[in-house]
Amino acid sequence: MTTGNSQASTTAYGEAVTFTPRVGQVQLRGPADDPVGEGPAGTGRDGRRGGRRRKRQRDDVMVPQAQFSSYYGRPIVKPAPWSWEIPAYLYLGGLAAGSALVASGAEMTGRRELQRNARLIALGALGGSTAALVSDLGKPSRFLNMMRTVKLTSPMSVGSWILAGFGTFTGIAAFSEVMHEVLPPDVPGRQLWPIGDRLTSIGAAMFAPPLAAYTAVLLADTATPTWHAAYRELPFVFVGSALASAGGAAMITTHPDQTAPARTAAVVGSVLELSAHQIMERRMGMLAEPLHEGRPGKLLTAAKALTVAGAALTVVAGRRRPLAALAGVALNVGSALTRFGVFYGGIASAKDPKYTVIPQRQRLAEKQAALAHEQHKQQEQLGAHDDARFQYGRGGAAGR
């Protein structure tokens, strides 16, 4: 017997379920065609003795189509409480990391203008990314609190130390570039500066790849369905995007005669980003849907188009200053849109319960199928062993 607010339904196994929303209580009865639990023995559904059973209905009639809704209108997975500062932080951090790699290549090949510009771009992008992160955290002390400990299992903790190490070498390198312009050529100890430049270039280059990739690990380490499903390829997407944006920024600010390493980084980064993104979406299956729909779909479509156009223009006309600058703008806008598209796609997947429920059911079905297969193999092996023992016993009896 149920109250006026109760709702009754029947499961796929023929069990009648009564749900009372007011108290959240679930009652299970016996199968729909089984008299057990329906009253005294031998009584029908109406309480009269000798009642007739109802004809069992088809499961597709008894079980309604699944409606993916959340508990009291709340999402199953809570969306990340982040705003535009986080994708801006992701883009600027990638630009800083890629520019440090470009500056390192310029220092090792003797391209002074490219080295100076790339180092200053790296420092400016690093400052912007840090400001965006602090703005999202609310106050600088929260960022400093993350530096009190080292927790290897926390991407945020590891990323904070990567950011600090990268910032140290990048800051020293940028300061060295400023001193090159300010101090006179005959200043004492100036002959030692090349050694310092090489050490700072190596240090910044060592921290640059982890800085470009750890932000992808930071997203994938959450319970957000689309981000979590992209954990394999997303670091490669972000690293490629970082190289493309850094090469583009160098082409904007530097004369084409010195941008050969930057052009190489832009083309290689674009190919890496687009290839990894394509593989990622193919492997993710239905969890890639939020990346194709709504605002994320528009952002990522534009990002891919701009990245392809920027890379093609770099190859065709990268030695011409106006066209090289145009290619650099396209690559940087495409890199930024990639971060924003991935960010908003993850938020959309967290708000829709089906992207949490369906993959869980699929994983459970796969585990059950694997377990059933393993049990079947064990039964076959036991059966073969019993047959062998039986044949051996018959042979021994015949010999006696």
Protein backbone atom coordinates (compact mmCIF):
# COMPACT_ATOMS: atom_id res chain seq x y z
CA MET A 1 0.00 0.00 0.00
CA THR A 2 1.45 3.37 -0.98
CA THR A 3 0.71 6.98 -0.17
CA GLY A 4 -0.76 9.49 -2.53
CA ASN A 5 2.73 10.78 -3.49
CA SER A 6 4.20 7.34 -4.14
CA GLN A 7 5.10 6.08 -7.58
CA ALA A 8 5.17 2.43 -8.58
CA SER A 9 7.11 0.84 -11.44
CA THR A 10 8.44 -2.56 -12.39
CA THR A 11 12.07 -3.50 -13.01
CA ALA A 12 13.43 -5.61 -15.85
CA TYR A 13 13.46 -8.64 -13.56
CA GLY A 14 9.74 -8.38 -12.84
CA GLU A 15 10.11 -6.79 -9.43
CA ALA A 16 7.60 -4.16 -8.47
CA VAL A 17 9.26 -1.06 -7.03
CA THR A 18 7.46 1.58 -5.01
CA PHE A 19 9.23 4.89 -4.50
CA THR A 20 8.04 7.48 -2.01
CA PRO A 21 9.70 10.82 -2.90
CA ARG A 22 8.82 12.38 0.43
CA VAL A 23 10.92 9.99 2.46
CA GLY A 24 13.12 8.50 -0.26
CA GLN A 25 12.06 4.93 0.61
CA VAL A 26 12.19 2.07 -1.89
CA GLN A 27 10.08 -1.08 -1.37
CA LEU A 28 10.69 -4.29 -3.31
CA ARG A 29 8.04 -6.93 -3.87
CA GLY A 30 8.18 -10.27 -5.57
CA PRO A 31 8.07 -10.77 -9.36
CA ALA A 32 4.95 -9.50 -11.08
CA ASP A 33 3.68 -13.00 -11.88
CA ASP A 34 4.68 -14.55 -8.57
CA PRO A 35 2.09 -14.67 -5.74
CA VAL A 36 4.83 -14.57 -3.10
CA GLY A 37 4.67 -11.32 -1.21
CA GLU A 38 1.23 -10.44 -2.57
CA GLY A 39 -0.74 -11.51 0.50
CA PRO A 40 -1.73 -14.81 2.12
CA ALA A 41 -0.87 -17.99 0.25
CA GLY A 42 -3.28 -18.78 -2.57
CA THR A 43 -4.81 -15.31 -2.77
CA GLY A 44 -4.78 -13.19 -5.88
CA ARG A 45 -3.89 -9.57 -6.32
CA ASP A 46 -7.33 -8.46 -5.20
CA GLY A 47 -7.04 -10.46 -1.95
CA ARG A 48 -9.53 -13.18 -3.00
CA ARG A 49 -8.56 -16.81 -2.71
CA GLY A 50 -8.03 -18.59 -5.98
CA GLY A 51 -7.36 -15.41 -7.93
CA ARG A 52 -5.91 -15.77 -11.42
CA ARG A 53 -2.45 -14.61 -12.33
CA ARG A 54 -2.01 -11.84 -14.81
CA LYS A 55 -0.33 -12.67 -18.06
CA ARG A 56 3.35 -11.69 -18.01
CA GLN A 57 3.93 -8.65 -20.15
CA ARG A 58 6.88 -7.96 -22.43
CA ASP A 59 9.89 -6.26 -20.84
CA ASP A 60 9.83 -3.41 -23.31
CA VAL A 61 6.27 -2.62 -22.19
CA MET A 62 6.93 -3.05 -18.48
CA VAL A 63 10.20 -1.04 -18.38
CA PRO A 64 9.91 2.56 -19.59
CA GLN A 65 12.62 4.19 -21.66
CA ALA A 66 15.47 5.40 -19.43
CA GLN A 67 15.37 9.08 -18.67
CA PHE A 68 18.73 10.48 -17.57
CA SER A 69 17.90 12.90 -14.81
CA SER A 70 19.80 13.89 -11.72
CA TYR A 71 18.88 13.76 -8.06
CA TYR A 72 16.52 16.63 -7.31
CA GLY A 73 17.74 18.44 -10.43
CA ARG A 74 21.40 18.36 -9.39
CA PRO A 75 24.16 16.95 -11.65
CA ILE A 76 25.67 13.58 -10.79
CA VAL A 77 29.15 15.07 -11.20
CA LYS A 78 29.59 18.57 -9.89
CA PRO A 79 30.98 20.84 -12.64
CA ALA A 80 34.30 22.50 -11.86
CA PRO A 81 33.69 25.91 -10.25
CA TRP A 82 36.06 27.63 -12.71
CA SER A 83 35.49 30.55 -15.04
CA TRP A 84 37.35 32.04 -18.02
CA GLU A 85 40.51 32.60 -15.96
CA ILE A 86 41.41 28.89 -16.09
CA PRO A 87 41.42 28.44 -19.91
CA ALA A 88 43.30 31.77 -20.14
CA TYR A 89 45.80 30.36 -17.66
CA LEU A 90 46.11 27.20 -19.76
CA TYR A 91 46.77 29.15 -22.95
CA LEU A 92 49.26 31.62 -21.47
CA GLY A 93 51.13 28.87 -19.63
CA GLY A 94 51.49 26.94 -22.88
CA LEU A 95 52.69 30.07 -24.70
CA ALA A 96 55.30 30.67 -22.01
CA ALA A 97 56.54 27.07 -22.14
CA GLY A 98 56.76 27.02 -25.94
CA SER A 99 58.51 30.38 -26.06
CA ALA A 100 61.14 29.12 -23.63
CA LEU A 101 61.86 26.21 -25.98
CA VAL A 102 62.10 28.60 -28.96
CA ALA A 103 64.44 30.87 -26.98
CA SER A 104 66.63 27.90 -26.10
CA GLY A 105 66.92 26.92 -29.76
CA ALA A 106 67.71 30.52 -30.69
CA GLU A 107 70.43 30.76 -28.03
CA MET A 108 72.09 27.57 -29.23
CA THR A 109 72.04 28.71 -32.88
CA GLY A 110 73.19 32.28 -32.25
CA ARG A 111 69.96 34.10 -33.16
CA ARG A 112 70.13 37.02 -30.75
CA GLU A 113 66.93 38.82 -31.80
CA LEU A 114 64.85 35.66 -31.65
CA GLN A 115 66.41 34.73 -28.30
CA ARG A 116 65.60 38.11 -26.78
CA ASN A 117 62.04 38.31 -28.08
CA ALA A 118 61.17 34.71 -27.15
CA ARG A 119 62.52 35.17 -23.62
CA LEU A 120 60.53 38.35 -23.08
CA ILE A 121 57.39 36.70 -24.49
CA ALA A 122 57.91 33.77 -22.13
CA LEU A 123 58.21 36.10 -19.13
CA GLY A 124 55.15 38.14 -20.12
CA ALA A 125 53.01 35.05 -20.76
CA LEU A 126 54.15 33.54 -17.48
CA GLY A 127 53.13 36.68 -15.62
CA GLY A 128 49.75 36.69 -17.32
CA SER A 129 49.10 33.02 -16.55
CA THR A 130 50.06 33.52 -12.91
CA ALA A 131 47.74 36.53 -12.66
CA ALA A 132 44.87 34.50 -14.16
CA LEU A 133 45.49 31.65 -11.71
CA VAL A 134 45.62 33.99 -8.72
CA SER A 135 42.43 35.71 -9.93
CA ASP A 136 40.66 32.35 -9.99
CA LEU A 137 41.99 31.39 -6.56
CA GLY A 138 40.79 34.69 -5.12
CA LYS A 139 43.95 35.86 -3.35
CA PRO A 140 47.71 35.30 -3.77
CA SER A 141 48.11 33.59 -0.40
CA ARG A 142 46.26 30.54 -1.69
CA PHE A 143 48.87 30.09 -4.41
CA LEU A 144 51.66 30.46 -1.87
CA ASN A 145 50.02 27.88 0.38
CA MET A 146 50.44 25.28 -2.37
CA MET A 147 54.21 25.73 -2.09
CA ARG A 148 54.35 24.58 1.52
CA THR A 149 54.42 20.87 0.65
CA VAL A 150 55.26 18.57 -2.26
CA LYS A 151 52.55 16.02 -2.99
CA LEU A 152 53.47 13.85 -5.97
CA THR A 153 49.94 12.44 -6.27
CA SER A 154 48.47 15.93 -6.74
CA PRO A 155 48.85 17.49 -10.22
CA MET A 156 48.18 20.91 -8.70
CA SER A 157 51.02 20.53 -6.17
CA VAL A 158 53.47 19.23 -8.76
CA GLY A 159 52.37 21.88 -11.23
CA SER A 160 52.96 24.64 -8.69
CA TRP A 161 56.57 23.57 -8.27
CA ILE A 162 57.02 23.22 -12.04
CA LEU A 163 55.68 26.75 -12.42
CA ALA A 164 58.05 28.02 -9.72
CA GLY A 165 61.12 26.36 -11.28
CA PHE A 166 60.22 27.53 -14.75
CA GLY A 167 59.58 31.04 -13.47
CA THR A 168 62.99 31.20 -11.80
CA PHE A 169 64.97 30.34 -14.93
CA THR A 170 62.71 32.41 -17.20
CA GLY A 171 63.00 35.44 -14.93
CA ILE A 172 66.81 35.22 -14.84
CA ALA A 173 66.95 34.82 -18.62
CA ALA A 174 64.72 37.86 -19.21
CA PHE A 175 66.75 39.92 -16.73
CA SER A 176 69.89 38.95 -18.62
CA GLU A 177 68.34 40.19 -21.86
CA VAL A 178 67.48 43.53 -20.29
CA MET A 179 71.01 43.88 -18.92
CA HIS A 180 72.42 43.20 -22.37
CA GLU A 181 70.58 46.28 -23.61
CA VAL A 182 71.25 48.54 -20.63
CA LEU A 183 74.85 47.86 -19.56
CA PRO A 184 77.82 49.04 -21.63
CA PRO A 185 79.81 46.49 -23.64
CA ASP A 186 82.93 46.85 -21.47
CA VAL A 187 81.25 46.09 -18.14
CA PRO A 188 83.38 43.73 -16.00
CA GLY A 189 82.38 40.09 -16.18
CA ARG A 190 80.45 40.46 -19.41
CA GLN A 191 82.48 37.64 -20.94
CA LEU A 192 80.78 35.26 -18.51
CA TRP A 193 77.30 36.11 -19.67
CA PRO A 194 77.23 33.50 -22.47
CA ILE A 195 77.71 30.81 -19.84
CA GLY A 196 74.81 32.20 -17.81
CA ASP A 197 72.64 32.43 -20.92
CA ARG A 198 73.32 28.80 -21.77
CA LEU A 199 72.53 27.60 -18.24
CA THR A 200 69.29 29.58 -18.03
CA SER A 201 68.26 28.35 -21.48
CA ILE A 202 68.84 24.74 -20.47
CA GLY A 203 66.98 25.21 -17.17
CA ALA A 204 63.96 26.87 -18.76
CA ALA A 205 63.89 24.27 -21.54
CA MET A 206 63.87 21.44 -18.98
CA PHE A 207 60.81 22.86 -17.19
CA ALA A 208 58.97 23.89 -20.39
CA PRO A 209 57.54 20.51 -21.54
CA PRO A 210 56.19 19.60 -18.07
CA LEU A 211 54.66 23.06 -17.79
CA ALA A 212 52.89 22.66 -21.15
CA ALA A 213 51.64 19.15 -20.35
CA TYR A 214 50.76 19.26 -16.65
CA THR A 215 47.70 21.45 -17.23
CA ALA A 216 46.19 18.65 -19.33
CA VAL A 217 46.91 16.20 -16.50
CA LEU A 218 45.26 18.65 -14.11
CA LEU A 219 42.03 18.53 -16.14
CA ALA A 220 42.12 14.77 -16.75
CA ASP A 221 42.63 14.04 -13.04
CA THR A 222 39.11 15.31 -12.26
CA ALA A 223 35.83 13.35 -12.41
CA THR A 224 34.59 15.48 -15.31
CA PRO A 225 33.68 12.81 -17.91
CA THR A 226 35.11 14.36 -21.10
CA TRP A 227 38.32 15.59 -19.47
CA HIS A 228 38.91 12.28 -17.72
CA ALA A 229 38.33 10.29 -20.90
CA ALA A 230 40.92 12.41 -22.76
CA TYR A 231 43.76 11.65 -20.35
CA ARG A 232 45.92 9.84 -22.91
CA GLU A 233 46.02 12.33 -25.77
CA LEU A 234 45.20 15.67 -24.12
CA PRO A 235 48.81 16.32 -22.95
CA PHE A 236 50.00 15.93 -26.55
CA VAL A 237 47.26 18.29 -27.72
CA PHE A 238 48.37 20.93 -25.23
CA VAL A 239 52.09 20.51 -25.95
CA GLY A 240 51.52 20.79 -29.69
CA SER A 241 49.31 23.83 -29.17
CA ALA A 242 52.01 25.43 -26.99
CA LEU A 243 54.66 24.98 -29.70
CA ALA A 244 52.34 26.37 -32.36
CA SER A 245 51.47 29.48 -30.35
CA ALA A 246 55.11 30.13 -29.40
CA GLY A 247 56.27 29.83 -32.99
CA GLY A 248 53.48 32.15 -34.06
CA ALA A 249 54.35 34.74 -31.41
CA ALA A 250 57.99 34.70 -32.51
CA MET A 251 56.97 35.23 -36.15
CA ILE A 252 54.93 38.27 -35.11
CA THR A 253 57.76 39.95 -33.20
CA THR A 254 60.93 38.85 -35.03
CA HIS A 255 62.34 39.41 -38.49
CA PRO A 256 61.86 36.37 -40.77
CA ASP A 257 65.62 36.02 -41.26
CA GLN A 258 65.89 34.70 -37.68
CA THR A 259 62.63 32.79 -37.30
CA ALA A 260 63.61 29.44 -38.84
CA PRO A 261 63.41 27.59 -35.47
CA ALA A 262 60.12 29.35 -34.69
CA ARG A 263 58.60 28.36 -38.02
CA THR A 264 59.66 24.76 -37.45
CA ALA A 265 58.11 24.80 -33.97
CA ALA A 266 54.87 26.28 -35.35
CA VAL A 267 54.46 23.64 -38.07
CA VAL A 268 55.51 20.67 -35.90
CA GLY A 269 53.29 21.85 -33.04
CA SER A 270 50.29 22.30 -35.33
CA VAL A 271 50.65 18.81 -36.78
CA LEU A 272 51.06 17.31 -33.30
CA GLU A 273 48.03 19.16 -31.94
CA LEU A 274 45.69 18.28 -34.81
CA SER A 275 46.79 14.63 -35.00
CA ALA A 276 46.49 14.06 -31.25
CA HIS A 277 43.11 15.79 -31.19
CA GLN A 278 41.79 13.56 -33.97
CA ILE A 279 43.00 10.38 -32.26
CA MET A 280 41.58 11.58 -28.93
CA GLU A 281 38.08 12.18 -30.30
CA ARG A 282 38.04 8.84 -32.12
CA ARG A 283 39.02 6.91 -29.00
CA MET A 284 36.65 8.76 -26.64
CA GLY A 285 33.50 7.73 -28.52
CA MET A 286 30.33 9.28 -27.11
CA LEU A 287 32.31 11.27 -24.53
CA ALA A 288 33.65 13.39 -27.39
CA GLU A 289 30.11 14.60 -28.19
CA PRO A 290 30.34 17.69 -25.92
CA LEU A 291 33.37 18.78 -27.97
CA HIS A 292 31.22 18.92 -31.13
CA GLU A 293 28.05 20.54 -29.81
CA GLY A 294 27.08 24.04 -28.75
CA ARG A 295 29.71 26.60 -27.81
CA PRO A 296 32.57 24.07 -27.40
CA GLY A 297 31.92 22.70 -30.87
CA LYS A 298 32.03 26.18 -32.44
CA LEU A 299 35.21 27.09 -30.57
CA LEU A 300 37.06 23.90 -31.50
CA THR A 301 35.94 24.05 -35.13
CA ALA A 302 37.29 27.58 -35.39
CA ALA A 303 40.47 26.53 -33.57
CA LYS A 304 41.17 23.72 -36.03
CA ALA A 305 40.53 25.96 -39.03
CA LEU A 306 42.84 28.70 -37.71
CA THR A 307 45.57 26.20 -36.81
CA VAL A 308 45.48 24.63 -40.28
CA ALA A 309 45.49 28.05 -41.96
CA GLY A 310 48.32 29.33 -39.78
CA ALA A 311 50.50 26.27 -40.38
CA ALA A 312 49.86 26.35 -44.14
CA LEU A 313 50.64 30.05 -44.33
CA THR A 314 53.83 29.49 -42.34
CA VAL A 315 55.04 26.89 -44.83
CA VAL A 316 54.08 28.90 -47.92
CA ALA A 317 54.90 32.47 -46.88
CA GLY A 318 56.72 32.27 -43.56
CA ARG A 319 59.66 34.33 -44.89
CA ARG A 320 57.47 37.34 -45.71
CA ARG A 321 57.00 39.58 -42.69
CA PRO A 322 53.31 40.59 -43.08
CA LEU A 323 52.13 37.08 -43.99
CA ALA A 324 54.30 35.56 -41.26
CA ALA A 325 52.71 37.90 -38.71
CA LEU A 326 49.25 36.96 -39.99
CA ALA A 327 50.11 33.28 -39.61
CA GLY A 328 51.33 33.92 -36.08
CA VAL A 329 48.06 35.63 -35.12
CA ALA A 330 46.04 32.73 -36.55
CA LEU A 331 48.11 30.17 -34.62
CA ASN A 332 47.76 32.02 -31.32
CA VAL A 333 44.01 32.58 -31.66
CA GLY A 334 43.62 28.91 -32.60
CA SER A 335 45.67 27.83 -29.57
CA ALA A 336 43.57 29.96 -27.23
CA LEU A 337 40.30 28.66 -28.72
CA THR A 338 41.53 25.09 -28.28
CA ARG A 339 41.91 25.63 -24.53
CA PHE A 340 38.54 27.37 -24.22
CA GLY A 341 36.78 24.69 -26.30
CA VAL A 342 38.19 21.80 -24.27
CA PHE A 343 37.37 23.65 -21.06
CA TYR A 344 33.72 24.35 -21.91
CA GLY A 345 33.30 20.87 -23.39
CA GLY A 346 34.26 19.33 -20.05
CA ILE A 347 31.86 21.59 -18.17
CA ALA A 348 29.03 20.57 -20.53
CA SER A 349 29.77 16.85 -20.01
CA ALA A 350 29.57 17.26 -16.24
CA LYS A 351 26.15 18.90 -16.46
CA ASP A 352 24.59 16.07 -18.54
CA PRO A 353 24.09 12.89 -16.45
CA LYS A 354 24.19 10.56 -19.45
CA TYR A 355 27.93 11.11 -19.90
CA THR A 356 28.40 9.72 -16.40
CA VAL A 357 25.80 6.93 -16.37
CA ILE A 358 26.24 5.30 -19.79
CA PRO A 359 30.06 4.87 -19.61
CA GLN A 360 29.71 3.39 -16.12
CA ARG A 361 27.17 0.86 -17.41
CA GLN A 362 29.39 0.01 -20.35
CA ARG A 363 32.40 -0.56 -18.09
CA LEU A 364 30.30 -2.73 -15.77
CA ALA A 365 29.01 -4.79 -18.71
CA GLU A 366 32.54 -5.28 -20.00
CA LYS A 367 33.74 -6.45 -16.57
CA GLN A 368 30.83 -8.86 -16.25
CA ALA A 369 31.45 -10.22 -19.75
CA ALA A 370 35.15 -10.69 -19.00
CA LEU A 371 34.31 -12.45 -15.71
CA ALA A 372 31.80 -14.73 -17.43
CA HIS A 373 34.36 -15.58 -20.11
CA GLU A 374 36.96 -16.40 -17.49
CA GLN A 375 34.53 -18.61 -15.58
CA HIS A 376 33.60 -20.41 -18.81
CA LYS A 377 37.26 -21.08 -19.54
CA GLN A 378 37.79 -22.46 -16.04
CA GLN A 379 34.78 -24.73 -16.41
CA GLU A 380 36.10 -26.01 -19.72
CA GLN A 381 39.49 -26.69 -18.18
CA LEU A 382 37.91 -28.53 -15.26
CA GLY A 383 35.77 -30.54 -17.65
CA ALA A 384 38.78 -31.51 -19.73
CA HIS A 385 40.67 -32.49 -16.58
CA ASP A 386 37.76 -34.66 -15.38
CA ASP A 387 37.55 -36.34 -18.81
CA ALA A 388 41.24 -37.11 -18.70
CA ARG A 389 40.94 -38.64 -15.22
CA PHE A 390 37.95 -40.70 -16.36
CA GLN A 391 39.80 -42.02 -19.40
CA TYR A 392 42.84 -42.81 -17.28
CA GLY A 393 40.64 -44.69 -14.78
CA ARG A 394 39.04 -46.75 -17.53
CA GLY A 395 42.42 -47.62 -18.98
CA GLY A 396 43.74 -48.72 -15.65
CA ALA A 397 40.70 -50.89 -14.97
CA ALA A 398 41.02 -52.54 -18.38
CA GLY A 399 44.68 -53.31 -17.70
CA ARG A 400 43.84 -55.01 -14.45
